Protein backbone atom coordinates (compact mmCIF):
# COMPACT_ATOMS: atom_id res chain seq x y z
CA UNK A 1 -30.73 -1.34 -19.46
CA UNK A 2 -28.20 0.63 -17.61
CA UNK A 3 -25.16 -1.52 -16.32
CA UNK A 4 -24.25 -1.05 -13.00
CA UNK A 5 -21.24 -1.63 -10.82
CA UNK A 6 -21.37 -2.20 -7.12
CA UNK A 7 -18.89 -2.07 -4.24
CA UNK A 8 -19.35 -2.52 -0.67
CA UNK A 9 -17.77 -0.09 1.68
CA UNK A 10 -17.12 -0.81 5.55
CA UNK A 11 -15.69 1.09 8.07
CA UNK A 12 -14.12 -1.02 10.60
CA UNK A 13 -12.50 -0.33 13.95
CA UNK A 14 -10.23 -2.65 15.64
CA UNK A 15 -7.10 -1.58 17.70
CA UNK A 16 -4.92 -4.58 17.31
CA UNK A 17 -4.99 -7.03 14.60
CA UNK A 18 -7.86 -9.88 16.01
CA UNK A 19 -10.85 -11.62 14.80
CA UNK A 20 -12.08 -8.52 12.59
CA UNK A 21 -9.12 -8.18 10.53
CA UNK A 22 -9.08 -12.19 10.15
CA UNK A 23 -12.68 -11.98 8.87
CA UNK A 24 -11.62 -9.34 6.36
CA UNK A 25 -8.60 -11.59 5.21
CA UNK A 26 -11.19 -14.58 4.69
CA UNK A 27 -13.67 -12.70 2.49
CA UNK A 28 -11.04 -11.08 0.34
CA UNK A 29 -8.21 -13.50 0.20
CA UNK A 30 -9.62 -15.54 -2.71
CA UNK A 31 -9.66 -12.37 -4.98
CA UNK A 32 -6.08 -11.25 -3.58
CA UNK A 33 -4.64 -15.03 -4.22
CA UNK A 34 -6.09 -14.50 -7.91
CA UNK A 35 -4.17 -11.09 -8.38
CA UNK A 36 -1.24 -12.13 -6.93
CA UNK A 37 -0.82 -15.04 -8.96
CA UNK A 38 -2.08 -13.43 -11.93
CA UNK A 39 1.27 -13.52 -13.65
CA UNK A 40 2.88 -16.91 -12.57
CA UNK A 41 3.95 -17.80 -8.85
CA UNK A 42 7.75 -17.99 -10.13
CA UNK A 43 7.50 -13.94 -10.94
CA UNK A 44 6.67 -13.48 -7.45
CA UNK A 45 9.67 -13.46 -4.80
CA UNK A 46 10.03 -16.18 -2.18
CA UNK A 47 9.05 -15.38 1.66
CA UNK A 48 12.52 -15.37 2.86
CA UNK A 49 12.98 -12.69 0.19
CA UNK A 50 10.04 -10.94 1.20
CA UNK A 51 10.94 -10.72 4.83
CA UNK A 52 14.32 -9.78 4.19
CA UNK A 53 13.45 -6.86 2.38
CA UNK A 54 10.70 -5.65 4.86
CA UNK A 55 13.16 -6.27 7.60
CA UNK A 56 15.65 -4.25 5.76
CA UNK A 57 13.60 -1.37 4.85
CA UNK A 58 10.62 -1.17 7.29
CA UNK A 59 11.86 -3.10 10.31
CA UNK A 60 9.20 -1.47 12.81
CA UNK A 61 6.51 -2.92 10.68
CA UNK A 62 7.91 -6.63 11.08
CA UNK A 63 6.05 -7.44 14.36
CA UNK A 64 2.79 -6.16 13.11
CA UNK A 65 3.23 -8.08 9.50
CA UNK A 66 4.17 -11.14 11.79
CA UNK A 67 1.03 -10.96 13.76
CA UNK A 68 -1.02 -10.69 10.35
CA UNK A 69 0.69 -13.57 9.09
CA UNK A 70 -0.47 -15.75 12.15
CA UNK A 71 -4.20 -14.81 11.53
CA UNK A 72 -3.88 -16.00 7.98
CA UNK A 73 -3.20 -19.32 9.26
CA UNK A 74 0.91 -19.08 8.69
CA UNK A 75 0.51 -19.88 4.98
CA UNK A 76 3.25 -18.94 2.39
CA UNK A 77 1.38 -17.41 -0.34
CA UNK A 78 -0.65 -14.86 2.15
CA UNK A 79 2.72 -14.01 3.67
CA UNK A 80 4.27 -13.12 0.31
CA UNK A 81 1.29 -11.28 -0.45
CA UNK A 82 1.14 -9.66 2.44
CA UNK A 83 4.96 -7.97 2.36
CA UNK A 84 3.85 -6.31 -0.75
CA UNK A 85 7.17 -6.74 -2.13
CA UNK A 86 7.65 -7.05 -5.78
CA UNK A 87 3.59 -7.59 -6.53
CA UNK A 88 2.18 -7.83 -9.86
CA UNK A 89 2.01 -4.20 -11.25
CA UNK A 90 -1.35 -2.20 -10.91
CA UNK A 91 -2.69 1.06 -12.36
CA UNK A 92 -4.84 3.47 -11.08
CA UNK A 93 -6.07 7.02 -11.75
CA UNK A 94 -6.51 9.46 -9.00
CA UNK A 95 -6.40 13.36 -8.41
CA UNK A 96 -4.98 14.77 -4.98
CA UNK A 97 -4.51 18.37 -3.65
CA UNK A 98 -3.56 20.15 -0.25
CA UNK A 99 -4.84 23.42 0.57
CA UNK A 100 -2.88 24.94 3.54
CA UNK A 101 -3.19 28.48 4.23
CA UNK A 102 -4.30 30.89 7.26
CA UNK A 103 -7.66 29.47 7.07
CA UNK A 104 -7.43 25.84 5.64
CA UNK A 105 -5.54 22.56 6.26
CA UNK A 106 -6.68 20.04 4.04
CA UNK A 107 -5.68 17.05 1.56
CA UNK A 108 -8.51 16.10 -0.62
CA UNK A 109 -8.34 13.10 -3.19
CA UNK A 110 -10.40 11.20 -5.88
CA UNK A 111 -9.60 7.44 -6.16
CA UNK A 112 -10.18 6.46 -9.81
CA UNK A 113 -10.11 2.68 -10.35
CA UNK A 114 -12.57 -0.24 -11.50
CA UNK A 115 -15.05 -0.82 -8.66
CA UNK A 116 -14.79 -4.46 -8.56
CA UNK A 117 -10.62 -4.41 -7.71
CA UNK A 118 -11.33 -2.02 -5.13
CA UNK A 119 -11.39 -3.48 -1.49
CA UNK A 120 -13.72 -0.87 0.21
CA UNK A 121 -12.28 -1.10 3.92
CA UNK A 122 -11.96 2.08 6.03
CA UNK A 123 -9.87 0.69 8.79
CA UNK A 124 -9.14 2.32 12.24
CA UNK A 125 -6.40 1.10 14.22
CA UNK A 126 -3.76 1.32 16.82
CA UNK A 127 -1.18 -1.19 16.01
CA UNK A 128 2.03 0.35 17.15
CA UNK A 129 0.58 2.83 19.43
CA UNK A 130 -0.45 5.30 17.01
CA UNK A 131 -4.02 5.67 15.94
CA UNK A 132 -4.49 5.82 12.28
CA UNK A 133 -7.51 5.76 9.92
CA UNK A 134 -6.95 4.91 6.36
CA UNK A 135 -8.57 3.44 3.52
CA UNK A 136 -7.11 0.21 2.95
CA UNK A 137 -5.77 -1.80 0.12
CA UNK A 138 -3.97 -5.24 0.02
CA UNK A 139 -5.67 -5.80 3.57
CA UNK A 140 -3.20 -3.79 5.32
CA UNK A 141 -1.78 -1.30 2.92
CA UNK A 142 -3.13 2.35 2.62
CA UNK A 143 -4.32 4.23 -0.43
CA UNK A 144 -4.90 7.39 1.89
CA UNK A 145 -5.15 8.05 5.29
CA UNK A 146 -4.43 10.22 8.76
CA UNK A 147 -2.85 9.30 11.75
CA UNK A 148 -3.19 11.01 15.22
CA UNK A 149 -0.37 13.47 14.81
CA UNK A 150 -2.40 14.80 11.78
CA UNK A 151 -0.22 13.56 9.22
CA UNK A 152 -1.81 12.92 5.91
CA UNK A 153 -0.95 10.71 3.02
CA UNK A 154 -2.44 9.86 -0.23
CA UNK A 155 -0.88 8.00 -3.41
CA UNK A 156 -1.51 8.31 -7.15
CA UNK A 157 -0.08 6.47 -10.06
CA UNK A 158 2.94 8.09 -11.61
CA UNK A 159 2.00 7.35 -15.14
CA UNK A 160 5.10 5.33 -16.23
CA UNK A 161 5.41 1.59 -17.31
CA UNK A 162 8.71 0.78 -15.40
CA UNK A 163 8.68 -2.16 -12.98
CA UNK A 164 11.39 -3.04 -10.85
CA UNK A 165 12.52 -3.97 -7.17
CA UNK A 166 10.62 -2.74 -4.48
CA UNK A 167 7.62 -2.41 -2.57
CA UNK A 168 3.97 -1.64 -3.42
CA UNK A 169 3.30 1.98 -2.47
CA UNK A 170 0.38 1.09 -0.21
CA UNK A 171 2.86 -0.80 2.33
CA UNK A 172 4.96 2.31 2.39
CA UNK A 173 2.12 4.67 3.02
CA UNK A 174 1.06 2.27 6.06
CA UNK A 175 4.65 2.55 7.30
CA UNK A 176 4.53 6.46 7.10
CA UNK A 177 1.21 6.80 9.22
CA UNK A 178 2.45 4.18 11.64
CA UNK A 179 5.90 5.69 12.18
CA UNK A 180 6.02 9.17 11.11
CA UNK A 181 4.79 12.58 12.88
CA UNK A 182 5.79 15.12 10.34
CA UNK A 183 6.01 15.61 6.70
CA UNK A 184 9.85 16.08 6.52
CA UNK A 185 9.90 12.53 8.29
CA UNK A 186 7.62 10.93 5.50
CA UNK A 187 9.80 12.72 2.97
CA UNK A 188 12.91 10.53 4.30
CA UNK A 189 11.01 7.39 3.91
CA UNK A 190 9.83 8.29 0.42
CA UNK A 191 13.39 8.70 -0.77
CA UNK A 192 14.88 5.53 1.23
CA UNK A 193 12.21 2.80 0.66
CA UNK A 194 12.23 1.32 -2.76
CA UNK A 195 8.89 1.14 -4.90
CA UNK A 196 8.42 -1.33 -7.56
CA UNK A 197 6.19 0.99 -9.97
CA UNK A 198 5.90 4.79 -10.21
CA UNK A 199 3.71 6.82 -7.81
CA UNK A 200 3.10 10.30 -6.74
CA UNK A 201 2.57 10.37 -3.10
CA UNK A 202 1.12 13.56 -1.72
CA UNK A 203 1.52 14.33 2.07
CA UNK A 204 0.49 16.95 4.49
CA UNK A 205 0.96 17.52 8.17
CA UNK A 206 -1.00 19.43 11.00
CA UNK A 207 1.72 22.43 10.34
CA UNK A 208 0.41 22.62 6.78
CA UNK A 209 3.51 21.75 5.75
CA UNK A 210 2.92 19.61 2.26
CA UNK A 211 5.23 17.77 -0.61
CA UNK A 212 4.38 15.45 -3.33
CA UNK A 213 7.29 12.84 -3.91
CA UNK A 214 7.71 11.36 -7.29
CA UNK A 215 8.79 7.92 -6.94
CA UNK A 216 9.93 5.01 -9.07
CA UNK A 217 12.09 1.76 -9.16
CA UNK A 218 14.64 3.12 -11.81
CA UNK A 219 15.60 6.68 -10.16
CA UNK A 220 15.95 8.59 -7.23
CA UNK A 221 12.79 10.08 -5.93
CA UNK A 222 11.95 13.76 -6.62
CA UNK A 223 10.33 15.70 -3.74
CA UNK A 224 9.05 18.69 -4.29
CA UNK A 225 7.01 21.40 -2.22
CA UNK A 226 3.75 20.80 -4.70
CA UNK A 227 0.53 20.53 -3.38
CA UNK A 228 -1.17 18.73 -6.52
CA UNK A 229 -0.79 15.72 -8.28
CA UNK A 230 -2.29 13.33 -10.77
CA UNK A 231 -0.76 10.84 -13.28
CA UNK A 232 2.63 11.87 -14.63
CA UNK A 233 5.81 12.84 -13.36
CA UNK A 234 7.61 16.08 -14.50
CA UNK A 235 6.67 15.20 -18.10
CA UNK A 236 4.35 12.72 -20.05
CA UNK A 237 6.08 9.41 -20.46
CA UNK A 238 3.24 7.15 -21.11
CA UNK A 239 0.97 9.30 -23.88
CA UNK A 240 -1.83 6.73 -24.14
CA UNK A 241 -2.55 6.47 -20.55
CA UNK A 242 -1.93 10.41 -20.03
CA UNK A 243 -4.68 11.25 -22.69
CA UNK A 244 -7.24 8.41 -21.38
CA UNK A 245 -6.48 9.63 -17.96
CA UNK A 246 -6.59 13.44 -18.79
CA UNK A 247 -3.94 13.94 -16.49
CA UNK A 248 -2.71 17.04 -17.81
CA UNK A 249 -6.10 18.60 -17.78
CA UNK A 250 -7.03 17.65 -13.99
CA UNK A 251 -3.59 18.72 -12.69
CA UNK A 252 -3.95 21.95 -14.39
CA UNK A 253 -7.41 22.49 -12.71
CA UNK A 254 -6.29 21.93 -9.40
CA UNK A 255 -3.18 24.31 -9.65
CA UNK A 256 -5.60 27.18 -10.51
CA UNK A 257 -7.76 26.24 -7.50
CA UNK A 258 -5.00 26.07 -5.02
CA UNK A 259 -2.74 28.97 -6.63
CA UNK A 260 -6.14 30.82 -6.22
CA UNK A 261 -6.44 33.18 -2.88
CA UNK A 262 -10.26 32.80 -3.04
CA UNK A 263 -10.40 29.44 -2.85
CA UNK A 264 -12.01 27.94 0.35
CA UNK A 265 -11.83 24.61 1.34
CA UNK A 266 -15.38 24.21 0.54
CA UNK A 267 -14.60 25.22 -3.06
CA UNK A 268 -11.90 23.01 -3.63
CA UNK A 269 -13.79 20.13 -2.34
CA UNK A 270 -16.72 20.68 -4.44
CA UNK A 271 -14.47 20.68 -7.50
CA UNK A 272 -13.70 17.04 -6.77
CA UNK A 273 -17.51 16.27 -7.47
CA UNK A 274 -17.55 17.59 -10.92
CA UNK A 275 -15.43 16.93 -14.40
CA UNK A 276 -12.59 16.86 -15.02
CA UNK A 277 -11.77 15.59 -11.48
CA UNK A 278 -14.62 13.35 -11.28
CA UNK A 279 -14.75 11.07 -13.55
CA UNK A 280 -17.77 8.31 -14.59
CA UNK A 281 -15.88 6.17 -17.12
CA UNK A 282 -16.14 2.89 -15.22
CA UNK A 283 -16.35 0.82 -18.37
CA UNK A 284 -12.64 1.23 -18.61
CA UNK A 285 -11.92 1.49 -15.10
CA UNK A 286 -11.37 5.45 -14.78
CA UNK A 287 -14.02 6.15 -12.76
CA UNK A 288 -13.79 7.64 -9.40
CA UNK A 289 -14.60 5.33 -6.59
CA UNK A 290 -14.70 7.82 -3.54
CA UNK A 291 -13.52 11.18 -2.43
CA UNK A 292 -11.76 11.73 0.78
CA UNK A 293 -11.17 14.74 2.60
CA UNK A 294 -8.42 14.57 5.56
CA UNK A 295 -8.45 17.18 8.11
CA UNK A 296 -5.05 17.07 9.80
CA UNK A 297 -5.75 19.76 12.57
CA UNK A 298 -9.19 17.78 13.75
CA UNK A 299 -8.07 14.40 13.53
CA UNK A 300 -10.82 13.51 10.94
CA UNK A 301 -11.72 12.34 7.53
CA UNK A 302 -14.72 12.43 5.37
CA UNK A 303 -15.53 10.13 2.56
CA UNK A 304 -18.01 10.85 -0.25
CA UNK A 305 -19.99 8.86 -2.95
CA UNK A 306 -22.41 10.17 -5.62
CA UNK A 307 -25.48 9.68 -3.01
CA UNK A 308 -23.67 9.03 0.62
CA UNK A 309 -21.14 10.41 2.96
CA UNK A 310 -19.65 9.62 6.41
CA UNK A 311 -17.63 11.60 8.67
CA UNK A 312 -15.16 9.65 10.98
CA UNK A 313 -12.96 10.59 13.50
CA UNK A 314 -10.26 9.69 16.24
CA UNK A 315 -12.72 10.53 18.72
CA UNK A 316 -15.80 9.50 16.66
CA UNK A 317 -15.76 6.52 14.53
CA UNK A 318 -18.96 4.76 13.70
CA UNK A 319 -18.65 1.01 12.05
CA UNK A 320 -21.14 1.28 8.99
CA UNK A 321 -21.54 -0.20 5.63
CA UNK A 322 -22.68 1.46 2.43
CA UNK A 323 -23.67 -0.44 -0.87
CA UNK A 324 -22.55 1.85 -3.44
CA UNK A 325 -23.58 1.58 -7.14
CA UNK A 326 -21.79 3.23 -9.91
CA UNK A 327 -23.13 4.31 -13.37
CA UNK A 328 -20.96 4.90 -16.24
CA UNK A 329 -21.46 8.24 -18.20
CA UNK A 330 -21.76 6.13 -21.63
CA UNK A 331 -24.58 4.12 -19.90
CA UNK A 332 -26.47 7.45 -18.71
CA UNK A 333 -26.07 8.61 -22.60
CA UNK A 334 -27.66 5.51 -23.67
């Protein structure tokens, strides 16, 4: 019998944090509490340390953070977790690419992760006077998304084991979408705000200006005009992960595609539905959970799964729920 993994995705629109966000917190908090305490509570920073770090590095986020903490009931542990300051380490796969030329301007990504650990929430918000559509992580962080200035962002694990003093990348991406208009502004944030792990962050804007920032806790960010990113930084530093995730193969595939003048946006998008970019090793947590395509000049996003897709925009955002089932390639062979 084939073993399936299941994940429910929900598209939710709520301009300001309120009842809908509070319901999400109540639904997901037991799992996030287990994750946050997966090492020991002593490994996690105090509330004061979390607040001070957020206020120092991303002060514009503090009013939203305070409101969210109020909606959780004002408890110490949720407030510490929501800061995403020095959280437990977590590792993803992911492939992402920008195609920006005279006829196309898109950011495409595959998110590879264990389905049982993915939140599955697409949030449409206007928390700070700016509309944002984003795939949520840790209840208000961002895995990938777009704002109403046409700025798009996506994260991938950077392929290094180093853990240090800084924030989880999803909260940094939330900060960028809430307060940046352009790729240059996002690059300045990525160079300034400390991260607790290695990530590759790809950014694109409505003018087709793109960068990939290779960030980590132990060295300055490397920000380059690269349109593709997978799961290594400059060179392979964690060979076992690189081999299992096929990071070099995926990077080469993307580089060939975006360098080819004949590549249309349809061709690039379709490549994300097939190996090596699409992965189905859900047993080992290396399967593709969803594909996202962001259109900076159109203010819209399309999310794809094997048998479903939804198209969302700032002009038309329909709240929907999708029950997605994943079958590992190994299960199919059996």
